[in-house]
Amino acid sequence: MKRVGTIQGRLSLPVNGHIQEFPDDWQEEFKLLGNCGLSHIEWLITRGSESTNPAFDEGAPLSSLPISSLCADTLVDERIVDKDFLEDNLTPICLSAIRNKINNITIPLLEDSNVEDPKIRSKFKEFIVEYAERYPNINFSFECELSIAGLRDILELSDNFYITYDTGNITSYGVDHEKYIDTFHSRISNVHLKDRTYDARTVPPGTGDTDFITIFRKLKSVSYDKIYTLQTSRGADGNEINNILEHKKILEGLYNEK
């Protein structure tokens, strides 16, 4: 793994007890990257942080920072198929990406924003393709709990639709990893490294049901050479840096296993 980064907030104390939330001291995380051997941060847009998130501050120059993507967690909402909701929540993120020269936006299609139901997916497709046309220089990367057929249904709409392959989500959703990679390897732009059990519990790498050895071998076989992003389980509060370093070491060991 040449380029390994982390989701924003994993190097900081959790905010209000949340597993994934925009951190209070986001600048410090960027200072820590080099010492942790990490290459990038996937920037979080979370509900409630919109008014204070520097991504929406035209005076905050983020373009010089190693930001791999803007992760639109605010879209995890059943209103994902509401045109006005997308206009209010996705459009500002697109404008921020352009202003800050960030090429990728991660769109979670999971939990409340799951589009497995064909009727729901049809509405989502109608609206999301408009964003691909409006912002042709942005890559929209979907992090999905979705069947292979359902995901293919979305990807075929645009050449700038990609996949954030979340290893844990795919495990707990019951999708075959090898078939998934075989089908979509040319569209995978980011791999979220996460271990989950079949009953959807996120656990430390190597202790769940995610078969990383098979996943890494398969990714190597299709010459995947893009980024990996740690989205692993949190440890004890105050031990965030050691937790990330330990998880990185474990996953790199599994990656290099013959």
Protein backbone atom coordinates (compact mmCIF):
# COMPACT_ATOMS: atom_id res chain seq x y z
CA MET A 1 0.00 0.00 0.00
CA LYS A 2 1.77 3.13 -1.21
CA ARG A 3 -0.74 5.81 -0.22
CA VAL A 4 -2.54 5.27 3.07
CA GLY A 5 -4.52 8.04 4.76
CA THR A 6 -7.31 8.35 7.28
CA ILE A 7 -10.83 9.61 7.57
CA GLN A 8 -10.93 12.95 9.35
CA GLY A 9 -11.36 12.77 13.12
CA ARG A 10 -9.63 9.44 13.74
CA LEU A 11 -6.51 11.22 15.02
CA SER A 12 -8.56 13.34 17.44
CA LEU A 13 -10.70 12.80 20.49
CA PRO A 14 -14.30 12.00 19.50
CA VAL A 15 -16.67 14.96 19.44
CA ASN A 16 -19.69 14.53 21.74
CA GLY A 17 -19.05 10.81 21.85
CA HIS A 18 -19.66 10.36 18.13
CA ILE A 19 -17.66 7.77 16.22
CA GLN A 20 -17.35 9.97 13.15
CA GLU A 21 -17.64 13.73 13.50
CA PHE A 22 -15.82 16.80 12.24
CA PRO A 23 -13.02 17.34 14.81
CA ASP A 24 -12.54 20.42 16.94
CA ASP A 25 -8.82 20.73 16.18
CA TRP A 26 -8.71 19.71 12.53
CA GLN A 27 -5.41 21.54 11.89
CA GLU A 28 -3.54 19.30 14.33
CA GLU A 29 -4.49 16.19 12.36
CA PHE A 30 -2.73 17.49 9.26
CA LYS A 31 0.38 18.18 11.34
CA LEU A 32 0.36 14.56 12.52
CA LEU A 33 0.14 12.96 9.08
CA GLY A 34 3.87 12.78 8.36
CA ASN A 35 4.79 11.33 11.74
CA CYS A 36 2.09 8.69 11.30
CA GLY A 37 3.26 7.74 7.81
CA LEU A 38 -0.06 8.83 6.30
CA SER A 39 -0.53 10.56 2.96
CA HIS A 40 -3.97 12.18 3.11
CA ILE A 41 -7.14 12.96 5.01
CA GLU A 42 -10.67 12.42 3.76
CA TRP A 43 -12.45 15.58 4.92
CA LEU A 44 -15.76 15.20 6.76
CA ILE A 45 -18.92 17.23 6.22
CA THR A 46 -21.14 16.26 9.16
CA ARG A 47 -24.53 17.45 10.28
CA GLY A 48 -24.32 20.37 12.66
CA SER A 49 -20.81 21.37 11.60
CA GLU A 50 -21.85 23.21 8.44
CA SER A 51 -21.68 26.69 10.00
CA THR A 52 -18.18 26.13 11.43
CA ASN A 53 -16.67 23.76 8.87
CA PRO A 54 -13.83 25.55 7.03
CA ALA A 55 -14.82 23.79 3.81
CA PHE A 56 -17.57 26.40 3.53
CA ASP A 57 -15.37 29.34 4.49
CA GLU A 58 -14.15 31.11 1.37
CA GLY A 59 -11.33 32.59 3.42
CA ALA A 60 -9.97 29.19 4.51
CA PRO A 61 -7.46 28.01 1.90
CA LEU A 62 -7.73 24.23 1.95
CA SER A 63 -6.26 23.68 -1.52
CA SER A 64 -2.73 23.33 -0.13
CA LEU A 65 -3.71 20.50 2.22
CA PRO A 66 -3.54 16.78 1.32
CA ILE A 67 -7.32 16.30 1.19
CA SER A 68 -8.32 13.27 -0.87
CA SER A 69 -12.07 13.87 -0.87
CA LEU A 70 -14.94 15.72 0.77
CA CYS A 71 -17.07 13.08 2.50
CA ALA A 72 -20.71 14.21 2.46
CA ASP A 73 -21.96 12.51 5.61
CA THR A 74 -24.79 15.05 5.73
CA LEU A 75 -26.39 13.10 2.87
CA VAL A 76 -27.00 10.04 5.06
CA ASP A 77 -30.67 10.91 5.19
CA GLU A 78 -33.85 9.45 3.72
CA ARG A 79 -34.24 12.76 1.88
CA ILE A 80 -31.39 11.70 -0.41
CA VAL A 81 -34.10 11.41 -3.10
CA ASP A 82 -35.43 14.93 -2.51
CA LYS A 83 -34.23 17.44 -5.09
CA ASP A 84 -34.38 20.40 -2.72
CA PHE A 85 -32.49 18.50 -0.04
CA LEU A 86 -29.68 17.74 -2.49
CA GLU A 87 -29.62 21.32 -3.67
CA ASP A 88 -29.28 22.57 -0.10
CA ASN A 89 -26.70 20.00 0.98
CA LEU A 90 -24.76 18.71 -2.01
CA THR A 91 -24.44 21.88 -4.07
CA PRO A 92 -22.45 23.79 -1.38
CA ILE A 93 -20.09 20.80 -1.13
CA CYS A 94 -19.57 20.81 -4.89
CA LEU A 95 -18.81 24.53 -4.85
CA SER A 96 -16.36 24.00 -1.98
CA ALA A 97 -14.62 21.21 -3.89
CA ILE A 98 -14.17 23.45 -6.92
CA ARG A 99 -12.99 26.42 -4.86
CA ASN A 100 -10.47 24.29 -2.93
CA LYS A 101 -9.31 22.27 -5.96
CA ILE A 102 -10.52 18.98 -4.45
CA ASN A 103 -11.44 16.58 -7.24
CA ASN A 104 -13.48 14.01 -5.31
CA ILE A 105 -16.70 13.96 -3.30
CA THR A 106 -17.68 10.83 -1.37
CA ILE A 107 -21.42 10.20 -1.28
CA PRO A 108 -22.56 7.61 1.30
CA LEU A 109 -25.46 5.45 0.10
CA LEU A 110 -26.02 3.53 3.31
CA GLU A 111 -28.26 3.39 6.35
CA ASP A 112 -30.87 6.16 5.88
CA SER A 113 -29.54 6.98 2.40
CA ASN A 114 -29.62 3.39 1.15
CA VAL A 115 -30.97 3.18 -2.41
CA GLU A 116 -31.31 -0.58 -2.80
CA ASP A 117 -35.06 -0.25 -3.41
CA PRO A 118 -35.43 0.22 -7.20
CA LYS A 119 -38.07 2.95 -6.82
CA ILE A 120 -35.87 4.95 -4.45
CA ARG A 121 -32.83 4.37 -6.63
CA SER A 122 -34.69 5.57 -9.71
CA LYS A 123 -35.43 8.91 -8.03
CA PHE A 124 -31.84 9.21 -6.84
CA LYS A 125 -30.49 8.51 -10.32
CA GLU A 126 -32.71 11.20 -11.82
CA PHE A 127 -31.25 13.85 -9.51
CA ILE A 128 -27.63 12.74 -9.14
CA VAL A 129 -27.01 12.60 -12.88
CA GLU A 130 -27.80 16.33 -12.97
CA TYR A 131 -24.81 16.92 -10.67
CA ALA A 132 -22.54 14.90 -12.93
CA GLU A 133 -23.61 17.11 -15.83
CA ARG A 134 -23.39 20.35 -13.83
CA TYR A 135 -19.96 19.57 -12.34
CA PRO A 136 -18.10 17.51 -14.95
CA ASN A 137 -14.72 18.04 -13.27
CA ILE A 138 -15.79 16.46 -9.98
CA ASN A 139 -15.55 12.72 -9.40
CA PHE A 140 -18.53 11.52 -7.36
CA SER A 141 -17.48 8.41 -5.45
CA PHE A 142 -20.25 6.31 -3.90
CA GLU A 143 -19.71 4.49 -0.60
CA CYS A 144 -22.46 1.91 -0.77
CA GLU A 145 -24.45 -0.71 1.00
CA LEU A 146 -25.82 -1.87 -2.30
CA SER A 147 -25.96 -4.97 -4.46
CA ILE A 148 -23.67 -5.31 -7.45
CA ALA A 149 -26.63 -4.88 -9.80
CA GLY A 150 -27.85 -1.81 -7.95
CA LEU A 151 -24.44 -0.17 -7.98
CA ARG A 152 -23.93 -0.92 -11.67
CA ASP A 153 -27.29 0.75 -12.29
CA ILE A 154 -25.89 4.02 -10.92
CA LEU A 155 -22.36 3.87 -12.30
CA GLU A 156 -23.51 3.44 -15.89
CA LEU A 157 -25.05 6.94 -15.82
CA SER A 158 -21.78 8.88 -15.92
CA ASP A 159 -18.06 8.51 -16.52
CA ASN A 160 -17.36 10.62 -13.43
CA PHE A 161 -19.17 8.24 -11.08
CA TYR A 162 -16.76 6.13 -9.03
CA ILE A 163 -16.71 3.85 -5.98
CA THR A 164 -15.35 4.25 -2.47
CA TYR A 165 -14.98 0.55 -1.70
CA ASP A 166 -15.64 0.14 2.02
CA THR A 167 -14.34 -3.30 2.98
CA GLY A 168 -16.36 -3.45 6.19
CA ASN A 169 -19.65 -2.35 4.67
CA ILE A 170 -19.34 -4.87 1.86
CA THR A 171 -18.67 -7.63 4.41
CA SER A 172 -21.70 -6.87 6.59
CA TYR A 173 -23.93 -6.28 3.55
CA GLY A 174 -23.15 -9.80 2.34
CA VAL A 175 -21.60 -8.93 -1.03
CA ASP A 176 -18.82 -11.19 -2.33
CA HIS A 177 -15.59 -9.18 -2.26
CA GLU A 178 -13.90 -10.97 -5.15
CA LYS A 179 -16.90 -10.57 -7.43
CA TYR A 180 -17.24 -6.94 -6.36
CA ILE A 181 -13.62 -6.16 -7.22
CA ASP A 182 -13.78 -8.10 -10.49
CA THR A 183 -16.87 -6.18 -11.53
CA PHE A 184 -15.88 -2.67 -10.50
CA HIS A 185 -12.10 -2.49 -10.22
CA SER A 186 -11.79 0.16 -12.93
CA ARG A 187 -14.19 2.42 -11.01
CA ILE A 188 -12.71 2.08 -7.51
CA SER A 189 -11.09 5.39 -6.58
CA ASN A 190 -10.63 4.84 -2.85
CA VAL A 191 -10.62 1.84 -0.50
CA HIS A 192 -11.96 2.42 3.01
CA LEU A 193 -10.17 -0.03 5.27
CA LYS A 194 -12.56 -1.27 7.93
CA ASP A 195 -13.15 -4.64 9.58
CA ARG A 196 -16.72 -5.64 10.34
CA THR A 197 -18.57 -8.69 11.51
CA TYR A 198 -21.45 -10.12 9.50
CA ASP A 199 -23.84 -8.50 11.97
CA ALA A 200 -22.41 -5.03 11.18
CA ARG A 201 -20.19 -4.41 14.19
CA THR A 202 -17.01 -2.46 13.39
CA VAL A 203 -14.06 -4.11 15.16
CA PRO A 204 -10.25 -3.80 15.13
CA PRO A 205 -8.58 -5.09 11.94
CA GLY A 206 -8.12 -8.83 11.91
CA THR A 207 -10.78 -9.56 14.54
CA GLY A 208 -13.91 -9.46 12.36
CA ASP A 209 -15.25 -11.28 9.32
CA THR A 210 -13.56 -9.17 6.63
CA ASP A 211 -11.07 -11.32 4.72
CA PHE A 212 -8.34 -8.77 4.08
CA ILE A 213 -5.87 -11.27 2.66
CA THR A 214 -8.31 -12.22 -0.10
CA ILE A 215 -9.24 -8.57 -0.66
CA PHE A 216 -5.63 -7.41 -0.96
CA ARG A 217 -4.67 -10.29 -3.24
CA LYS A 218 -7.60 -9.49 -5.49
CA LEU A 219 -6.81 -5.77 -5.56
CA LYS A 220 -3.22 -6.57 -6.48
CA SER A 221 -4.38 -8.90 -9.26
CA VAL A 222 -6.32 -6.06 -10.91
CA SER A 223 -3.40 -3.64 -10.38
CA TYR A 224 -5.28 -1.31 -8.05
CA ASP A 225 -2.87 1.57 -7.39
CA LYS A 226 -5.02 4.31 -5.90
CA ILE A 227 -5.50 5.36 -2.28
CA TYR A 228 -6.40 3.51 0.89
CA THR A 229 -8.14 5.31 3.76
CA LEU A 230 -8.24 4.03 7.34
CA GLN A 231 -11.78 4.09 8.71
CA THR A 232 -11.10 1.56 11.41
CA SER A 233 -12.69 1.14 14.83
CA ARG A 234 -11.95 3.65 17.55
CA GLY A 235 -9.99 2.62 20.60
CA ALA A 236 -9.88 4.22 24.03
CA ASP A 237 -10.29 7.99 24.15
CA GLY A 238 -6.88 9.65 24.20
CA ASN A 239 -5.18 6.76 22.41
CA GLU A 240 -6.16 7.78 18.87
CA ILE A 241 -2.66 8.08 17.40
CA ASN A 242 -1.44 4.75 18.78
CA ASN A 243 -4.69 3.15 17.65
CA ILE A 244 -4.23 4.34 14.06
CA LEU A 245 -0.56 3.33 14.01
CA GLU A 246 -1.42 -0.14 15.29
CA HIS A 247 -4.22 -0.62 12.77
CA LYS A 248 -2.01 0.62 9.93
CA LYS A 249 0.70 -1.86 10.95
CA ILE A 250 -1.77 -4.76 11.07
CA LEU A 251 -3.28 -3.95 7.68
CA GLU A 252 0.10 -3.44 6.03
CA GLY A 253 1.14 -6.82 7.40
CA LEU A 254 -1.94 -8.45 5.87
CA TYR A 255 -1.31 -6.61 2.60
CA ASN A 256 2.24 -7.93 2.42
CA GLU A 257 1.34 -11.48 3.43
CA LYS A 258 2.25 -13.96 0.71
